Protein backbone atom coordinates (compact mmCIF):
# COMPACT_ATOMS: atom_id res chain seq x y z
CA UNK A 1 0.00 0.00 0.00
CA UNK A 2 1.32 3.43 -1.01
CA UNK A 3 1.71 5.58 2.14
CA UNK A 4 0.82 8.72 0.16
CA UNK A 5 -2.46 7.17 -0.98
CA UNK A 6 -3.22 6.14 2.59
CA UNK A 7 -2.58 9.67 3.87
CA UNK A 8 -4.57 11.53 1.19
CA UNK A 9 -7.56 9.17 1.02
CA UNK A 10 -7.85 7.92 4.60
CA UNK A 11 -6.22 10.39 7.02
CA UNK A 12 -6.59 13.62 5.02
CA UNK A 13 -10.43 13.57 4.87
CA UNK A 14 -10.74 13.39 8.66
CA UNK A 15 -8.12 16.10 9.11
CA UNK A 16 -10.06 18.32 6.72
CA UNK A 17 -13.38 17.64 8.45
CA UNK A 18 -11.88 18.67 11.79
CA UNK A 19 -10.35 21.89 10.44
CA UNK A 20 -13.54 22.69 8.51
CA UNK A 21 -15.87 22.32 11.50
CA UNK A 22 -13.64 23.88 14.16
CA UNK A 23 -12.43 26.71 11.90
CA UNK A 24 -15.89 27.62 10.62
CA UNK A 25 -17.50 27.62 14.07
CA UNK A 26 -14.64 29.63 15.57
CA UNK A 27 -14.73 32.23 12.81
CA UNK A 28 -18.51 32.60 12.97
CA UNK A 29 -18.50 33.02 16.76
CA UNK A 30 -15.40 35.19 17.11
CA UNK A 31 -15.40 37.16 13.85
CA UNK A 32 -18.97 36.93 12.63
CA UNK A 33 -18.84 40.15 10.63
CA UNK A 34 -16.05 38.74 8.46
CA UNK A 35 -18.37 35.99 7.21
CA UNK A 36 -19.15 37.81 3.98
CA UNK A 37 -18.31 37.71 0.31
CA UNK A 38 -17.28 41.40 0.36
CA UNK A 39 -19.14 42.01 -2.88
CA UNK A 40 -17.34 44.21 -5.40
CA UNK A 41 -20.45 44.93 -7.45
CA UNK A 42 -20.58 48.56 -6.33
CA UNK A 43 -16.97 49.06 -7.38
CA UNK A 44 -17.45 47.56 -10.84
CA UNK A 45 -20.57 45.82 -12.09
CA UNK A 46 -20.63 45.73 -15.87
CA UNK A 47 -17.63 43.46 -16.46
CA UNK A 48 -18.38 41.54 -13.28
CA UNK A 49 -21.77 40.47 -14.61
CA UNK A 50 -20.17 38.39 -17.37
CA UNK A 51 -17.98 36.64 -14.84
CA UNK A 52 -20.28 36.33 -11.84
CA UNK A 53 -23.34 34.89 -13.59
CA UNK A 54 -21.70 32.00 -15.50
CA UNK A 55 -19.42 31.23 -12.55
CA UNK A 56 -22.14 31.05 -9.90
CA UNK A 57 -24.69 29.20 -12.00
CA UNK A 58 -22.08 26.83 -13.36
CA UNK A 59 -20.51 26.02 -9.99
CA UNK A 60 -23.96 25.54 -8.43
CA UNK A 61 -25.01 23.04 -11.10
CA UNK A 62 -21.70 21.16 -10.88
CA UNK A 63 -21.96 20.97 -7.09
CA UNK A 64 -25.54 19.70 -7.27
CA UNK A 65 -24.52 17.12 -9.87
CA UNK A 66 -21.77 15.77 -7.64
CA UNK A 67 -24.08 15.87 -4.62
CA UNK A 68 -26.82 13.88 -6.36
CA UNK A 69 -24.33 11.26 -7.59
CA UNK A 70 -22.98 10.98 -4.04
CA UNK A 71 -26.33 10.84 -2.25
CA UNK A 72 -28.33 8.79 -4.77
CA UNK A 73 -25.87 6.62 -6.71
CA UNK A 74 -28.43 3.94 -7.58
CA UNK A 75 -30.78 6.52 -9.11
CA UNK A 76 -27.95 8.07 -11.13
CA UNK A 77 -26.88 4.68 -12.47
CA UNK A 78 -30.49 3.88 -13.38
CA UNK A 79 -30.80 7.21 -15.21
CA UNK A 80 -27.53 6.64 -17.06
CA UNK A 81 -28.62 3.16 -18.16
CA UNK A 82 -30.15 4.80 -21.22
CA UNK A 83 -27.32 5.88 -23.60
CA UNK A 84 -29.05 9.06 -24.74
CA UNK A 85 -29.75 10.19 -21.17
CA UNK A 86 -26.12 9.46 -20.28
CA UNK A 87 -24.85 11.59 -23.18
CA UNK A 88 -27.18 14.46 -22.21
CA UNK A 89 -26.11 14.16 -18.58
CA UNK A 90 -22.41 14.28 -19.44
CA UNK A 91 -22.90 17.06 -21.98
CA UNK A 92 -24.73 19.29 -19.52
CA UNK A 93 -22.08 18.73 -16.87
CA UNK A 94 -19.28 19.65 -19.27
CA UNK A 95 -21.20 22.72 -20.46
CA UNK A 96 -21.56 24.01 -16.91
CA UNK A 97 -17.86 23.33 -16.30
CA UNK A 98 -16.94 25.43 -19.35
CA UNK A 99 -19.21 28.19 -18.03
CA UNK A 100 -17.31 28.13 -14.73
CA UNK A 101 -13.96 28.37 -16.54
CA UNK A 102 -15.16 31.35 -18.60
CA UNK A 103 -16.63 33.05 -15.53
CA UNK A 104 -13.53 32.50 -13.41
CA UNK A 105 -11.21 33.79 -16.13
CA UNK A 106 -13.35 36.92 -16.42
CA UNK A 107 -13.37 37.45 -12.65
CA UNK A 108 -9.61 36.92 -12.33
CA UNK A 109 -8.91 39.31 -15.22
CA UNK A 110 -11.28 41.84 -13.65
CA UNK A 111 -9.50 41.69 -10.29
CA UNK A 112 -6.06 42.03 -11.86
CA UNK A 113 -6.85 44.87 -14.27
CA UNK A 114 -9.34 47.05 -12.37
CA UNK A 115 -7.51 49.50 -10.07
CA UNK A 116 -10.48 49.86 -7.72
CA UNK A 117 -10.77 46.10 -7.28
CA UNK A 118 -7.05 45.57 -6.77
CA UNK A 119 -7.28 47.67 -3.60
CA UNK A 120 -9.80 45.27 -2.00
CA UNK A 121 -8.30 42.06 -3.41
CA UNK A 122 -6.14 39.95 -1.12
CA UNK A 123 -3.64 37.28 -2.06
CA UNK A 124 -6.00 34.68 -0.61
CA UNK A 125 -8.78 35.87 -2.95
CA UNK A 126 -6.60 35.24 -5.98
CA UNK A 127 -5.35 31.95 -4.54
CA UNK A 128 -8.92 30.70 -4.14
CA UNK A 129 -9.90 31.73 -7.67
CA UNK A 130 -6.84 30.09 -9.23
CA UNK A 131 -7.40 26.99 -7.10
CA UNK A 132 -11.03 26.73 -8.24
CA UNK A 133 -9.93 27.27 -11.84
CA UNK A 134 -7.36 24.47 -11.59
CA UNK A 135 -9.94 22.17 -10.01
CA UNK A 136 -12.50 22.77 -12.75
CA UNK A 137 -9.88 22.37 -15.49
CA UNK A 138 -8.93 19.02 -13.97
CA UNK A 139 -12.60 18.10 -14.06
CA UNK A 140 -12.79 19.02 -17.75
CA UNK A 141 -9.68 16.92 -18.43
CA UNK A 142 -11.28 13.97 -16.66
CA UNK A 143 -14.56 14.45 -18.52
CA UNK A 144 -12.75 14.30 -21.87
CA UNK A 145 -10.16 11.64 -21.03
CA UNK A 146 -12.14 9.32 -18.77
CA UNK A 147 -15.67 9.30 -20.13
CA UNK A 148 -18.94 8.70 -18.30
CA UNK A 149 -17.71 10.14 -15.02
CA UNK A 150 -21.22 10.42 -13.60
CA UNK A 151 -21.52 6.62 -13.77
CA UNK A 152 -18.16 5.63 -12.33
CA UNK A 153 -18.47 8.36 -9.70
CA UNK A 154 -21.74 6.83 -8.53
CA UNK A 155 -20.37 3.29 -8.74
CA UNK A 156 -16.89 3.79 -7.20
CA UNK A 157 -16.44 7.17 -5.53
CA UNK A 158 -19.81 7.37 -3.81
CA UNK A 159 -19.24 4.14 -1.80
CA UNK A 160 -15.77 5.41 -0.86
CA UNK A 161 -17.13 8.74 0.40
CA UNK A 162 -19.89 6.99 2.33
CA UNK A 163 -17.29 4.72 3.92
CA UNK A 164 -15.39 7.80 5.11
CA UNK A 165 -18.54 9.25 6.66
CA UNK A 166 -19.30 5.95 8.37
CA UNK A 167 -15.75 5.82 9.84
CA UNK A 168 -14.99 2.65 7.93
CA UNK A 169 -12.68 3.80 5.10
CA UNK A 170 -12.63 1.62 1.99
CA UNK A 171 -10.26 3.45 -0.37
CA UNK A 172 -9.29 0.49 -2.58
CA UNK A 173 -11.28 1.78 -5.57
CA UNK A 174 -9.57 5.17 -5.33
CA UNK A 175 -6.12 3.58 -5.13
CA UNK A 176 -6.66 2.07 -8.58
CA UNK A 177 -7.73 5.33 -10.24
CA UNK A 178 -5.50 7.41 -12.56
CA UNK A 179 -3.35 10.17 -11.08
CA UNK A 180 -5.44 12.99 -12.56
CA UNK A 181 -8.56 11.70 -10.82
CA UNK A 182 -6.68 11.37 -7.54
CA UNK A 183 -5.49 14.96 -7.95
CA UNK A 184 -9.07 16.08 -8.56
CA UNK A 185 -10.23 14.33 -5.38
CA UNK A 186 -7.42 15.82 -3.29
CA UNK A 187 -8.19 19.23 -4.80
CA UNK A 188 -11.82 18.94 -3.73
CA UNK A 189 -10.73 17.99 -0.22
CA UNK A 190 -8.33 20.94 -0.13
CA UNK A 191 -11.12 23.40 -0.95
CA UNK A 192 -12.89 22.32 2.24
CA UNK A 193 -9.58 22.67 4.09
CA UNK A 194 -9.18 26.37 3.24
CA UNK A 195 -12.93 27.07 3.41
CA UNK A 196 -13.01 28.62 6.93
CA UNK A 197 -10.14 31.00 6.14
CA UNK A 198 -11.46 32.53 2.91
CA UNK A 199 -14.48 34.32 1.49
CA UNK A 200 -15.93 30.92 0.61
CA UNK A 201 -17.33 30.79 4.13
CA UNK A 202 -20.07 33.21 3.05
CA UNK A 203 -21.82 30.24 1.42
CA UNK A 204 -23.00 29.18 4.88
CA UNK A 205 -24.95 32.41 5.35
CA UNK A 206 -26.14 32.90 1.77
CA UNK A 207 -29.78 34.11 1.70
CA UNK A 208 -31.21 30.98 0.09
CA UNK A 209 -34.59 31.76 1.68
CA UNK A 210 -34.93 34.55 -0.88
CA UNK A 211 -35.74 31.82 -3.41
CA UNK A 212 -38.96 30.86 -1.61
CA UNK A 213 -40.04 34.04 0.15
CA UNK A 214 -42.95 36.11 -1.28
CA UNK A 215 -42.13 38.86 -3.73
CA UNK A 216 -41.58 42.29 -2.25
CA UNK A 217 -43.63 44.95 -4.01
CA UNK A 218 -42.02 48.40 -4.22
CA UNK A 219 -44.41 51.22 -5.06
CA UNK A 220 -43.35 54.77 -5.86
CA UNK A 221 -45.98 57.14 -4.53
CA UNK A 222 -44.41 60.32 -5.85
CA UNK A 223 -43.23 61.60 -9.20
CA UNK A 224 -39.50 60.85 -9.23
CA UNK A 225 -38.89 63.54 -11.83
CA UNK A 226 -40.05 66.14 -9.33
CA UNK A 227 -37.77 64.74 -6.63
CA UNK A 228 -34.56 64.83 -8.65
CA UNK A 229 -33.96 65.61 -12.29
CA UNK A 230 -32.24 62.57 -13.89
CA UNK A 231 -30.75 64.65 -16.71
CA UNK A 232 -28.64 66.87 -14.47
CA UNK A 233 -26.39 66.24 -11.47
CA UNK A 234 -28.11 69.05 -9.57
CA UNK A 235 -31.74 69.64 -8.76
CA UNK A 236 -33.61 72.38 -6.94
CA UNK A 237 -35.85 69.79 -5.29
CA UNK A 238 -34.47 68.20 -2.17
CA UNK A 239 -34.36 64.40 -2.38
CA UNK A 240 -37.02 62.63 -0.32
CA UNK A 241 -34.66 59.90 0.91
CA UNK A 242 -32.51 62.04 3.22
């Protein structure tokens, strides 16, 4: 047995789980106001739109795809039993991965070239973005070089991950996998390792309830043109909001 394999696929997951839980709880309790994404939309929004939208939608769909294959492997294998459904499944996954790559490249370029964003960008921000980019590129490589990943993920990786959760590690299937797949797995683990120390932690307080709450109706009960003239920076009328 390779000692490196044993460390990365047996010991490393439990080390990561400990750091993730302890680090996240400590940060939330001791530095709760730092649990934020520090949105840069007010500093620059036009270019950010073309990076933020494909990145967030793409990464969400990829995460859900991996989560479903992990939680319901039998259902995924049953779905993939039909060749056409399997091709559609793989094609959609690869499309979302390409969207993430495009979005990340746009966001990285935006952070490096916009003077206002460079001021609020830390080295850790860039490290996280480059790490996510490398992880998704590895996923694209695997999708092209080792086809039908949704099926072998459900058949081989899902039982391994469940064995880790049940404190009965069975990493034999992972030991036999190609190096690029092992690197992709270790990369995924490493994202959870740095999670509590980066902006990624804002995912835990994301306002997902906005998706199901009733719509908020905003009604203007005055003529906005009389409050402030939009065609000029100055107006004789005092604004009603201050």
